[in-house]
Amino acid sequence: MARKMANPAYRKRHEESYELLKLEIQLLNALEKKHWTYADLARVMHTQKSAISRDLKGGGLRSASMARVAKMAEALGLRFFSFCVTEDKAGQVLPFIRRMVAA
């Protein structure tokens, strides 16, 4: 694993996947907190349960649009923020955001 992480392209893909996994976990935790099923969320979002299942199973968020993720978050009582930072600032910004989300 250490050898793979030394490869910048692999490391970047790994970090991006990890961030999506954390977002997926946040959405699943919010779903659990509301005591909702996928069917409940689908009903609120006016979509099919299969679409929710596709989005929230391992790696499914990668193909979901930002608008869809934002709509899902809103239905669960969360706010979805999307923004861009330059690569050189990411190392400073991401730890701050992680602390805010963990609080």
PDB file of N, CA and C in Angstrom:
ATOM      1  N   MET A   1       0.834  -1.193   0.000  1.00  0.00           N
ATOM      2  CA  MET A   1       0.000   0.000   0.000  1.00  0.00           C
ATOM      3  C   MET A   1       0.876   1.254   0.000  1.00  0.00           C
ATOM      4  N   ALA A   2       1.942   1.229   0.796  1.00  0.00           N
ATOM      5  CA  ALA A   2       2.827   2.394   0.863  1.00  0.00           C
ATOM      6  C   ALA A   2       3.430   2.693  -0.501  1.00  0.00           C
ATOM      7  N   ARG A   3       3.758   1.649  -1.243  1.00  0.00           N
ATOM      8  CA  ARG A   3       4.334   1.837  -2.574  1.00  0.00           C
ATOM      9  C   ARG A   3       3.314   2.504  -3.498  1.00  0.00           C
ATOM     10  N   LYS A   4       2.061   2.050  -3.428  1.00  0.00           N
ATOM     11  CA  LYS A   4       1.012   2.651  -4.258  1.00  0.00           C
ATOM     12  C   LYS A   4       0.784   4.110  -3.880  1.00  0.00           C
ATOM     13  N   MET A   5       0.798   4.407  -2.591  1.00  0.00           N
ATOM     14  CA  MET A   5       0.557   5.780  -2.136  1.00  0.00           C
ATOM     15  C   MET A   5       1.677   6.722  -2.559  1.00  0.00           C
ATOM     16  N   ALA A   6       2.843   6.175  -2.873  1.00  0.00           N
ATOM     17  CA  ALA A   6       3.954   7.004  -3.347  1.00  0.00           C
ATOM     18  C   ALA A   6       3.692   7.506  -4.765  1.00  0.00           C
ATOM     19  N   ASN A   7       2.804   6.844  -5.490  1.00  0.00           N
ATOM     20  CA  ASN A   7       2.446   7.251  -6.841  1.00  0.00           C
ATOM     21  C   ASN A   7       1.434   8.400  -6.734  1.00  0.00           C
ATOM     22  N   PRO A   8       1.784   9.605  -7.213  1.00  0.00           N
ATOM     23  CA  PRO A   8       0.893  10.766  -7.063  1.00  0.00           C
ATOM     24  C   PRO A   8      -0.502  10.566  -7.668  1.00  0.00           C
ATOM     25  N   ALA A   9      -0.591   9.912  -8.811  1.00  0.00           N
ATOM     26  CA  ALA A   9      -1.899   9.700  -9.443  1.00  0.00           C
ATOM     27  C   ALA A   9      -2.759   8.765  -8.595  1.00  0.00           C
ATOM     28  N   TYR A  10      -2.157   7.696  -8.091  1.00  0.00           N
ATOM     29  CA  TYR A  10      -2.894   6.759  -7.236  1.00  0.00           C
ATOM     30  C   TYR A  10      -3.337   7.453  -5.953  1.00  0.00           C
ATOM     31  N   ARG A  11      -2.416   8.204  -5.362  1.00  0.00           N
ATOM     32  CA  ARG A  11      -2.716   8.897  -4.103  1.00  0.00           C
ATOM     33  C   ARG A  11      -3.903   9.858  -4.279  1.00  0.00           C
ATOM     34  N   LYS A  12      -3.916  10.582  -5.391  1.00  0.00           N
ATOM     35  CA  LYS A  12      -4.998  11.534  -5.647  1.00  0.00           C
ATOM     36  C   LYS A  12      -6.337  10.802  -5.781  1.00  0.00           C
ATOM     37  N   ARG A  13      -6.368   9.705  -6.552  1.00  0.00           N
ATOM     38  CA  ARG A  13      -7.601   8.917  -6.699  1.00  0.00           C
ATOM     39  C   ARG A  13      -8.063   8.371  -5.354  1.00  0.00           C
ATOM     40  N   HIS A  14      -7.109   7.903  -4.552  1.00  0.00           N
ATOM     41  CA  HIS A  14      -7.428   7.358  -3.233  1.00  0.00           C
ATOM     42  C   HIS A  14      -8.036   8.440  -2.337  1.00  0.00           C
ATOM     43  N   GLU A  15      -7.433   9.616  -2.319  1.00  0.00           N
ATOM     44  CA  GLU A  15      -7.930  10.709  -1.479  1.00  0.00           C
ATOM     45  C   GLU A  15      -9.318  11.165  -1.927  1.00  0.00           C
ATOM     46  N   GLU A  16      -9.548  11.240  -3.232  1.00  0.00           N
ATOM     47  CA  GLU A  16     -10.865  11.628  -3.738  1.00  0.00           C
ATOM     48  C   GLU A  16     -11.916  10.590  -3.355  1.00  0.00           C
ATOM     49  N   SER A  17     -11.573   9.322  -3.477  1.00  0.00           N
ATOM     50  CA  SER A  17     -12.510   8.254  -3.101  1.00  0.00           C
ATOM     51  C   SER A  17     -12.828   8.312  -1.620  1.00  0.00           C
ATOM     52  N   TYR A  18     -11.824   8.617  -0.816  1.00  0.00           N
ATOM     53  CA  TYR A  18     -12.013   8.686   0.629  1.00  0.00           C
ATOM     54  C   TYR A  18     -12.962   9.829   0.993  1.00  0.00           C
ATOM     55  N   GLU A  19     -12.820  10.961   0.328  1.00  0.00           N
ATOM     56  CA  GLU A  19     -13.708  12.096   0.592  1.00  0.00           C
ATOM     57  C   GLU A  19     -15.152  11.746   0.222  1.00  0.00           C
ATOM     58  N   LEU A  20     -15.343  11.053  -0.880  1.00  0.00           N
ATOM     59  CA  LEU A  20     -16.696  10.633  -1.267  1.00  0.00           C
ATOM     60  C   LEU A  20     -17.268   9.635  -0.267  1.00  0.00           C
ATOM     61  N   LEU A  21     -16.426   8.752   0.242  1.00  0.00           N
ATOM     62  CA  LEU A  21     -16.868   7.794   1.256  1.00  0.00           C
ATOM     63  C   LEU A  21     -17.333   8.528   2.508  1.00  0.00           C
ATOM     64  N   LYS A  22     -16.590   9.542   2.920  1.00  0.00           N
ATOM     65  CA  LYS A  22     -16.984  10.304   4.111  1.00  0.00           C
ATOM     66  C   LYS A  22     -18.316  11.027   3.888  1.00  0.00           C
ATOM     67  N   LEU A  23     -18.527  11.555   2.690  1.00  0.00           N
ATOM     68  CA  LEU A  23     -19.798  12.207   2.369  1.00  0.00           C
ATOM     69  C   LEU A  23     -20.935  11.183   2.413  1.00  0.00           C
ATOM     70  N   GLU A  24     -20.688  10.025   1.851  1.00  0.00           N
ATOM     71  CA  GLU A  24     -21.686   8.954   1.879  1.00  0.00           C
ATOM     72  C   GLU A  24     -22.039   8.584   3.322  1.00  0.00           C
ATOM     73  N   ILE A  25     -21.044   8.488   4.175  1.00  0.00           N
ATOM     74  CA  ILE A  25     -21.274   8.155   5.586  1.00  0.00           C
ATOM     75  C   ILE A  25     -22.094   9.247   6.267  1.00  0.00           C
ATOM     76  N   GLN A  26     -21.804  10.512   5.965  1.00  0.00           N
ATOM     77  CA  GLN A  26     -22.587  11.608   6.550  1.00  0.00           C
ATOM     78  C   GLN A  26     -24.060  11.490   6.158  1.00  0.00           C
ATOM     79  N   LEU A  27     -24.314  11.196   4.897  1.00  0.00           N
ATOM     80  CA  LEU A  27     -25.694  11.065   4.434  1.00  0.00           C
ATOM     81  C   LEU A  27     -26.375   9.857   5.084  1.00  0.00           C
ATOM     82  N   LEU A  28     -25.664   8.751   5.177  1.00  0.00           N
ATOM     83  CA  LEU A  28     -26.234   7.554   5.809  1.00  0.00           C
ATOM     84  C   LEU A  28     -26.501   7.782   7.295  1.00  0.00           C
ATOM     85  N   ASN A  29     -25.595   8.494   7.965  1.00  0.00           N
ATOM     86  CA  ASN A  29     -25.811   8.811   9.383  1.00  0.00           C
ATOM     87  C   ASN A  29     -27.039   9.698   9.569  1.00  0.00           C
ATOM     88  N   ALA A  30     -27.215  10.676   8.680  1.00  0.00           N
ATOM     89  CA  ALA A  30     -28.390  11.554   8.761  1.00  0.00           C
ATOM     90  C   ALA A  30     -29.668  10.759   8.506  1.00  0.00           C
ATOM     91  N   LEU A  31     -29.612   9.828   7.584  1.00  0.00           N
ATOM     92  CA  LEU A  31     -30.754   8.960   7.293  1.00  0.00           C
ATOM     93  C   LEU A  31     -31.116   8.143   8.535  1.00  0.00           C
ATOM     94  N   GLU A  32     -30.105   7.597   9.173  1.00  0.00           N
ATOM     95  CA  GLU A  32     -30.321   6.803  10.387  1.00  0.00           C
ATOM     96  C   GLU A  32     -30.865   7.663  11.527  1.00  0.00           C
ATOM     97  N   LYS A  33     -30.331   8.865  11.661  1.00  0.00           N
ATOM     98  CA  LYS A  33     -30.770   9.769  12.729  1.00  0.00           C
ATOM     99  C   LYS A  33     -32.256  10.115  12.593  1.00  0.00           C
ATOM    100  N   LYS A  34     -32.729  10.229  11.360  1.00  0.00           N
ATOM    101  CA  LYS A  34     -34.142  10.536  11.111  1.00  0.00           C
ATOM    102  C   LYS A  34     -35.009   9.270  11.178  1.00  0.00           C
ATOM    103  N   HIS A  35     -34.351   8.107  11.324  1.00  0.00           N
ATOM    104  CA  HIS A  35     -35.066   6.820  11.323  1.00  0.00           C
ATOM    105  C   HIS A  35     -35.803   6.610  10.000  1.00  0.00           C
ATOM    106  N   TRP A  36     -35.149   7.004   8.906  1.00  0.00           N
ATOM    107  CA  TRP A  36     -35.728   6.875   7.581  1.00  0.00           C
ATOM    108  C   TRP A  36     -35.132   5.682   6.849  1.00  0.00           C
ATOM    109  N   THR A  37     -35.909   5.143   5.947  1.00  0.00           N
ATOM    110  CA  THR A  37     -35.432   4.128   5.016  1.00  0.00           C
ATOM    111  C   THR A  37     -35.099   4.827   3.697  1.00  0.00           C
ATOM    112  N   TYR A  38     -34.512   4.074   2.770  1.00  0.00           N
ATOM    113  CA  TYR A  38     -34.280   4.625   1.437  1.00  0.00           C
ATOM    114  C   TYR A  38     -35.612   5.029   0.804  1.00  0.00           C
ATOM    115  N   ALA A  39     -36.642   4.255   1.069  1.00  0.00           N
ATOM    116  CA  ALA A  39     -37.970   4.561   0.512  1.00  0.00           C
ATOM    117  C   ALA A  39     -38.498   5.889   1.051  1.00  0.00           C
ATOM    118  N   ASP A  40     -38.262   6.163   2.339  1.00  0.00           N
ATOM    119  CA  ASP A  40     -38.695   7.440   2.925  1.00  0.00           C
ATOM    120  C   ASP A  40     -37.987   8.606   2.242  1.00  0.00           C
ATOM    121  N   LEU A  41     -36.675   8.479   2.074  1.00  0.00           N
ATOM    122  CA  LEU A  41     -35.904   9.541   1.426  1.00  0.00           C
ATOM    123  C   LEU A  41     -36.362   9.713  -0.020  1.00  0.00           C
ATOM    124  N   ALA A  42     -36.580   8.619  -0.710  1.00  0.00           N
ATOM    125  CA  ALA A  42     -37.038   8.687  -2.105  1.00  0.00           C
ATOM    126  C   ALA A  42     -38.378   9.406  -2.201  1.00  0.00           C
ATOM    127  N   ARG A  43     -39.267   9.133  -1.269  1.00  0.00           N
ATOM    128  CA  ARG A  43     -40.589   9.776  -1.279  1.00  0.00           C
ATOM    129  C   ARG A  43     -40.446  11.294  -1.115  1.00  0.00           C
ATOM    130  N   VAL A  44     -39.612  11.724  -0.187  1.00  0.00           N
ATOM    131  CA  VAL A  44     -39.406  13.159   0.047  1.00  0.00           C
ATOM    132  C   VAL A  44     -38.756  13.822  -1.169  1.00  0.00           C
ATOM    133  N   MET A  45     -37.860  13.085  -1.830  1.00  0.00           N
ATOM    134  CA  MET A  45     -37.151  13.633  -2.987  1.00  0.00           C
ATOM    135  C   MET A  45     -37.923  13.457  -4.301  1.00  0.00           C
ATOM    136  N   HIS A  46     -39.075  12.791  -4.244  1.00  0.00           N
ATOM    137  CA  HIS A  46     -39.874  12.515  -5.446  1.00  0.00           C
ATOM    138  C   HIS A  46     -39.057  11.745  -6.480  1.00  0.00           C
ATOM    139  N   THR A  47     -38.442  10.665  -6.014  1.00  0.00           N
ATOM    140  CA  THR A  47     -37.651   9.810  -6.891  1.00  0.00           C
ATOM    141  C   THR A  47     -37.894   8.354  -6.514  1.00  0.00           C
ATOM    142  N   GLN A  48     -37.191   7.471  -7.164  1.00  0.00           N
ATOM    143  CA  GLN A  48     -37.327   6.040  -6.917  1.00  0.00           C
ATOM    144  C   GLN A  48     -36.358   5.574  -5.836  1.00  0.00           C
ATOM    145  N   LYS A  49     -36.781   4.585  -5.059  1.00  0.00           N
ATOM    146  CA  LYS A  49     -35.925   3.996  -4.031  1.00  0.00           C
ATOM    147  C   LYS A  49     -34.648   3.440  -4.659  1.00  0.00           C
ATOM    148  N   SER A  50     -34.748   2.886  -5.852  1.00  0.00           N
ATOM    149  CA  SER A  50     -33.572   2.316  -6.519  1.00  0.00           C
ATOM    150  C   SER A  50     -32.518   3.389  -6.810  1.00  0.00           C
ATOM    151  N   ALA A  51     -32.952   4.621  -7.074  1.00  0.00           N
ATOM    152  CA  ALA A  51     -32.005   5.717  -7.317  1.00  0.00           C
ATOM    153  C   ALA A  51     -31.250   6.062  -6.038  1.00  0.00           C
ATOM    154  N   ILE A  52     -31.955   6.065  -4.909  1.00  0.00           N
ATOM    155  CA  ILE A  52     -31.313   6.342  -3.620  1.00  0.00           C
ATOM    156  C   ILE A  52     -30.328   5.230  -3.298  1.00  0.00           C
ATOM    157  N   SER A  53     -30.758   4.001  -3.496  1.00  0.00           N
ATOM    158  CA  SER A  53     -29.900   2.848  -3.239  1.00  0.00           C
ATOM    159  C   SER A  53     -28.634   2.918  -4.088  1.00  0.00           C
ATOM    160  N   ARG A  54     -28.774   3.247  -5.358  1.00  0.00           N
ATOM    161  CA  ARG A  54     -27.629   3.356  -6.268  1.00  0.00           C
ATOM    162  C   ARG A  54     -26.655   4.428  -5.781  1.00  0.00           C
ATOM    163  N   ASP A  55     -27.194   5.566  -5.344  1.00  0.00           N
ATOM    164  CA  ASP A  55     -26.340   6.675  -4.916  1.00  0.00           C
ATOM    165  C   ASP A  55     -25.629   6.400  -3.598  1.00  0.00           C
ATOM    166  N   LEU A  56     -26.283   5.676  -2.695  1.00  0.00           N
ATOM    167  CA  LEU A  56     -25.728   5.517  -1.351  1.00  0.00           C
ATOM    168  C   LEU A  56     -25.024   4.186  -1.106  1.00  0.00           C
ATOM    169  N   LYS A  57     -24.842   3.401  -2.138  1.00  0.00           N
ATOM    170  CA  LYS A  57     -24.059   2.190  -1.920  1.00  0.00           C
ATOM    171  C   LYS A  57     -22.645   2.447  -2.407  1.00  0.00           C
ATOM    172  N   GLY A  58     -21.679   1.853  -1.768  1.00  0.00           N
ATOM    173  CA  GLY A  58     -20.256   2.048  -2.023  1.00  0.00           C
ATOM    174  C   GLY A  58     -19.864   2.644  -3.357  1.00  0.00           C
ATOM    175  N   GLY A  59     -19.474   3.888  -3.357  1.00  0.00           N
ATOM    176  CA  GLY A  59     -18.970   4.558  -4.543  1.00  0.00           C
ATOM    177  C   GLY A  59     -20.033   5.148  -5.453  1.00  0.00           C
ATOM    178  N   GLY A  60     -21.291   4.996  -5.117  1.00  0.00           N
ATOM    179  CA  GLY A  60     -22.364   5.485  -5.969  1.00  0.00           C
ATOM    180  C   GLY A  60     -22.417   6.993  -6.114  1.00  0.00           C
ATOM    181  N   LEU A  61     -21.930   7.707  -5.099  1.00  0.00           N
ATOM    182  CA  LEU A  61     -21.978   9.174  -5.167  1.00  0.00           C
ATOM    183  C   LEU A  61     -21.075   9.723  -6.260  1.00  0.00           C
ATOM    184  N   ARG A  62     -20.093   8.939  -6.680  1.00  0.00           N
ATOM    185  CA  ARG A  62     -19.176   9.397  -7.733  1.00  0.00           C
ATOM    186  C   ARG A  62     -19.942   9.761  -9.003  1.00  0.00           C
ATOM    187  N   SER A  63     -21.031   9.053  -9.280  1.00  0.00           N
ATOM    188  CA  SER A  63     -21.785   9.329 -10.505  1.00  0.00           C
ATOM    189  C   SER A  63     -23.001  10.230 -10.270  1.00  0.00           C
ATOM    190  N   ALA A  64     -23.265  10.602  -9.030  1.00  0.00           N
ATOM    191  CA  ALA A  64     -24.402  11.484  -8.730  1.00  0.00           C
ATOM    192  C   ALA A  64     -24.024  12.940  -9.021  1.00  0.00           C
ATOM    193  N   SER A  65     -24.976  13.705  -9.509  1.00  0.00           N
ATOM    194  CA  SER A  65     -24.710  15.125  -9.762  1.00  0.00           C
ATOM    195  C   SER A  65     -24.652  15.880  -8.437  1.00  0.00           C
ATOM    196  N   MET A  66     -24.001  17.031  -8.451  1.00  0.00           N
ATOM    197  CA  MET A  66     -23.952  17.855  -7.239  1.00  0.00           C
ATOM    198  C   MET A  66     -25.356  18.295  -6.842  1.00  0.00           C
ATOM    199  N   ALA A  67     -26.195  18.586  -7.828  1.00  0.00           N
ATOM    200  CA  ALA A  67     -27.572  19.001  -7.526  1.00  0.00           C
ATOM    201  C   ALA A  67     -28.320  17.880  -6.811  1.00  0.00           C
ATOM    202  N   ARG A  68     -28.090  16.658  -7.241  1.00  0.00           N
ATOM    203  CA  ARG A  68     -28.757  15.512  -6.608  1.00  0.00           C
ATOM    204  C   ARG A  68     -28.260  15.312  -5.180  1.00  0.00           C
ATOM    205  N   VAL A  69     -26.955  15.423  -4.971  1.00  0.00           N
ATOM    206  CA  VAL A  69     -26.394  15.283  -3.624  1.00  0.00           C
ATOM    207  C   VAL A  69     -26.926  16.400  -2.730  1.00  0.00           C
ATOM    208  N   ALA A  70     -26.994  17.620  -3.260  1.00  0.00           N
ATOM    209  CA  ALA A  70     -27.512  18.750  -2.486  1.00  0.00           C
ATOM    210  C   ALA A  70     -28.978  18.531  -2.120  1.00  0.00           C
ATOM    211  N   LYS A  71     -29.765  18.013  -3.046  1.00  0.00           N
ATOM    212  CA  LYS A  71     -31.181  17.743  -2.783  1.00  0.00           C
ATOM    213  C   LYS A  71     -31.325  16.660  -1.711  1.00  0.00           C
ATOM    214  N   MET A  72     -30.477  15.645  -1.787  1.00  0.00           N
ATOM    215  CA  MET A  72     -30.490  14.577  -0.795  1.00  0.00           C
ATOM    216  C   MET A  72     -30.125  15.131   0.583  1.00  0.00           C
ATOM    217  N   ALA A  73     -29.076  15.935   0.627  1.00  0.00           N
ATOM    218  CA  ALA A  73     -28.643  16.533   1.892  1.00  0.00           C
ATOM    219  C   ALA A  73     -29.749  17.401   2.481  1.00  0.00           C
ATOM    220  N   GLU A  74     -30.366  18.221   1.654  1.00  0.00           N
ATOM    221  CA  GLU A  74     -31.440  19.103   2.125  1.00  0.00           C
ATOM    222  C   GLU A  74     -32.605  18.294   2.693  1.00  0.00           C
ATOM    223  N   ALA A  75     -32.968  17.222   2.015  1.00  0.00           N
ATOM    224  CA  ALA A  75     -34.064  16.372   2.489  1.00  0.00           C
ATOM    225  C   ALA A  75     -33.737  15.759   3.851  1.00  0.00           C
ATOM    226  N   LEU A  76     -32.445  15.571   4.115  1.00  0.00           N
ATOM    227  CA  LEU A  76     -32.008  14.980   5.380  1.00  0.00           C
ATOM    228  C   LEU A  76     -31.689  16.027   6.444  1.00  0.00           C
ATOM    229  N   GLY A  77     -31.939  17.298   6.126  1.00  0.00           N
ATOM    230  CA  GLY A  77     -31.696  18.360   7.102  1.00  0.00           C
ATOM    231  C   GLY A  77     -30.254  18.820   7.156  1.00  0.00           C
ATOM    232  N   LEU A  78     -29.517  18.574   6.082  1.00  0.00           N
ATOM    233  CA  LEU A  78     -28.116  18.989   5.998  1.00  0.00           C
ATOM    234  C   LEU A  78     -27.971  20.076   4.944  1.00  0.00           C
ATOM    235  N   ARG A  79     -26.862  20.790   5.001  1.00  0.00           N
ATOM    236  CA  ARG A  79     -26.512  21.757   3.950  1.00  0.00           C
ATOM    237  C   ARG A  79     -25.332  21.198   3.182  1.00  0.00           C
ATOM    238  N   PHE A  80     -25.386  21.263   1.875  1.00  0.00           N
ATOM    239  CA  PHE A  80     -24.300  20.786   1.026  1.00  0.00           C
ATOM    240  C   PHE A  80     -23.571  21.998   0.476  1.00  0.00           C
ATOM    241  N   PHE A  81     -22.283  22.082   0.736  1.00  0.00           N
ATOM    242  CA  PHE A  81     -21.460  23.177   0.233  1.00  0.00           C
ATOM    243  C   PHE A  81     -20.488  22.621  -0.795  1.00  0.00           C
ATOM    244  N   SER A  82     -20.370  23.291  -1.905  1.00  0.00           N
ATOM    245  CA  SER A  82     -19.352  22.912  -2.886  1.00  0.00           C
ATOM    246  C   SER A  82     -18.551  24.163  -3.212  1.00  0.00           C
ATOM    247  N   PHE A  83     -17.253  23.995  -3.276  1.00  0.00           N
ATOM    248  CA  PHE A  83     -16.387  25.122  -3.603  1.00  0.00           C
ATOM    249  C   PHE A  83     -15.071  24.589  -4.123  1.00  0.00           C
ATOM    250  N   CYS A  84     -14.322  25.458  -4.727  1.00  0.00           N
ATOM    251  CA  CYS A  84     -13.028  25.081  -5.288  1.00  0.00           C
ATOM    252  C   CYS A  84     -11.930  25.891  -4.613  1.00  0.00           C
ATOM    253  N   VAL A  85     -10.807  25.243  -4.422  1.00  0.00           N
ATOM    254  CA  VAL A  85      -9.618  25.927  -3.928  1.00  0.00           C
ATOM    255  C   VAL A  85      -8.449  25.479  -4.792  1.00  0.00           C
ATOM    256  N   THR A  86      -7.432  26.308  -4.856  1.00  0.00           N
ATOM    257  CA  THR A  86      -6.253  25.919  -5.614  1.00  0.00           C
ATOM    258  C   THR A  86      -5.552  24.769  -4.897  1.00  0.00           C
ATOM    259  N   GLU A  87      -4.834  23.975  -5.662  1.00  0.00           N
ATOM    260  CA  GLU A  87      -4.148  22.795  -5.116  1.00  0.00           C
ATOM    261  C   GLU A  87      -3.221  23.172  -3.967  1.00  0.00           C
ATOM    262  N   ASP A  88      -2.545  24.317  -4.083  1.00  0.00           N
ATOM    263  CA  ASP A  88      -1.605  24.703  -3.026  1.00  0.00           C
ATOM    264  C   ASP A  88      -2.314  25.118  -1.734  1.00  0.00           C
ATOM    265  N   LYS A  89      -3.580  25.494  -1.807  1.00  0.00           N
ATOM    266  CA  LYS A  89      -4.338  25.874  -0.603  1.00  0.00           C
ATOM    267  C   LYS A  89      -5.092  24.691   0.010  1.00  0.00           C
ATOM    268  N   ALA A  90      -5.277  23.627  -0.750  1.00  0.00           N
ATOM    269  CA  ALA A  90      -6.068  22.482  -0.284  1.00  0.00           C
ATOM    270  C   ALA A  90      -5.528  21.922   1.027  1.00  0.00           C
ATOM    271  N   GLY A  91      -4.226  21.872   1.160  1.00  0.00           N
ATOM    272  CA  GLY A  91      -3.623  21.349   2.386  1.00  0.00           C
ATOM    273  C   GLY A  91      -3.954  22.185   3.611  1.00  0.00           C
ATOM    274  N   GLN A  92      -4.229  23.461   3.426  1.00  0.00           N
ATOM    275  CA  GLN A  92      -4.589  24.336   4.542  1.00  0.00           C
ATOM    276  C   GLN A  92      -6.094  24.310   4.801  1.00  0.00           C
ATOM    277  N   VAL A  93      -6.880  24.253   3.743  1.00  0.00           N
ATOM    278  CA  VAL A  93      -8.329  24.357   3.859  1.00  0.00           C
ATOM    279  C   VAL A  93      -8.971  23.051   4.338  1.00  0.00           C
ATOM    280  N   LEU A  94      -8.535  21.921   3.791  1.00  0.00           N
ATOM    281  CA  LEU A  94      -9.180  20.647   4.120  1.00  0.00           C
ATOM    282  C   LEU A  94      -9.125  20.288   5.602  1.00  0.00           C
ATOM    283  N   PRO A  95      -7.998  20.450   6.294  1.00  0.00           N
ATOM    284  CA  PRO A  95      -8.008  20.135   7.731  1.00  0.00           C
ATOM    285  C   PRO A  95      -8.999  21.002   8.511  1.00  0.00           C
ATOM    286  N   PHE A  96      -9.126  22.260   8.138  1.00  0.00           N
ATOM    287  CA  PHE A  96     -10.075  23.154   8.798  1.00  0.00           C
ATOM    288  C   PHE A  96     -11.509  22.657   8.589  1.00  0.00           C
ATOM    289  N   ILE A  97     -11.832  22.308   7.356  1.00  0.00           N
ATOM    290  CA  ILE A  97     -13.179  21.820   7.047  1.00  0.00           C
ATOM    291  C   ILE A  97     -13.454  20.526   7.798  1.00  0.00           C
ATOM    292  N   ARG A  98     -12.487  19.635   7.839  1.00  0.00           N
ATOM    293  CA  ARG A  98     -12.672  18.369   8.560  1.00  0.00           C
ATOM    294  C   ARG A  98     -12.966  18.612  10.035  1.00  0.00           C
ATOM    295  N   ARG A  99     -12.280  19.570  10.636  1.00  0.00           N
ATOM    296  CA  ARG A  99     -12.536  19.884  12.055  1.00  0.00           C
ATOM    297  C   ARG A  99     -13.948  20.437  12.234  1.00  0.00           C
ATOM    298  N   MET A 100     -14.379  21.285  11.306  1.00  0.00           N
ATOM    299  CA  MET A 100     -15.717  21.873  11.400  1.00  0.00           C
ATOM    300  C   MET A 100     -16.798  20.796  11.271  1.00  0.00           C
ATOM    301  N   VAL A 101     -16.607  19.874  10.355  1.00  0.00           N
ATOM    302  CA  VAL A 101     -17.590  18.814  10.131  1.00  0.00           C
ATOM    303  C   VAL A 101     -17.634  17.866  11.322  1.00  0.00           C
ATOM    304  N   ALA A 102     -16.492  17.615  11.922  1.00  0.00           N
ATOM    305  CA  ALA A 102     -16.419  16.686  13.056  1.00  0.00           C
ATOM    306  C   ALA A 102     -17.049  17.274  14.312  1.00  0.00           C
ATOM    307  N   ALA A 103     -17.127  18.601  14.393  1.00  0.00           N
ATOM    308  CA  ALA A 103     -17.648  19.249  15.609  1.00  0.00           C
ATOM    309  C   ALA A 103     -19.126  19.033  15.796  1.00  0.00           C
TER     310      ALA A 103
END
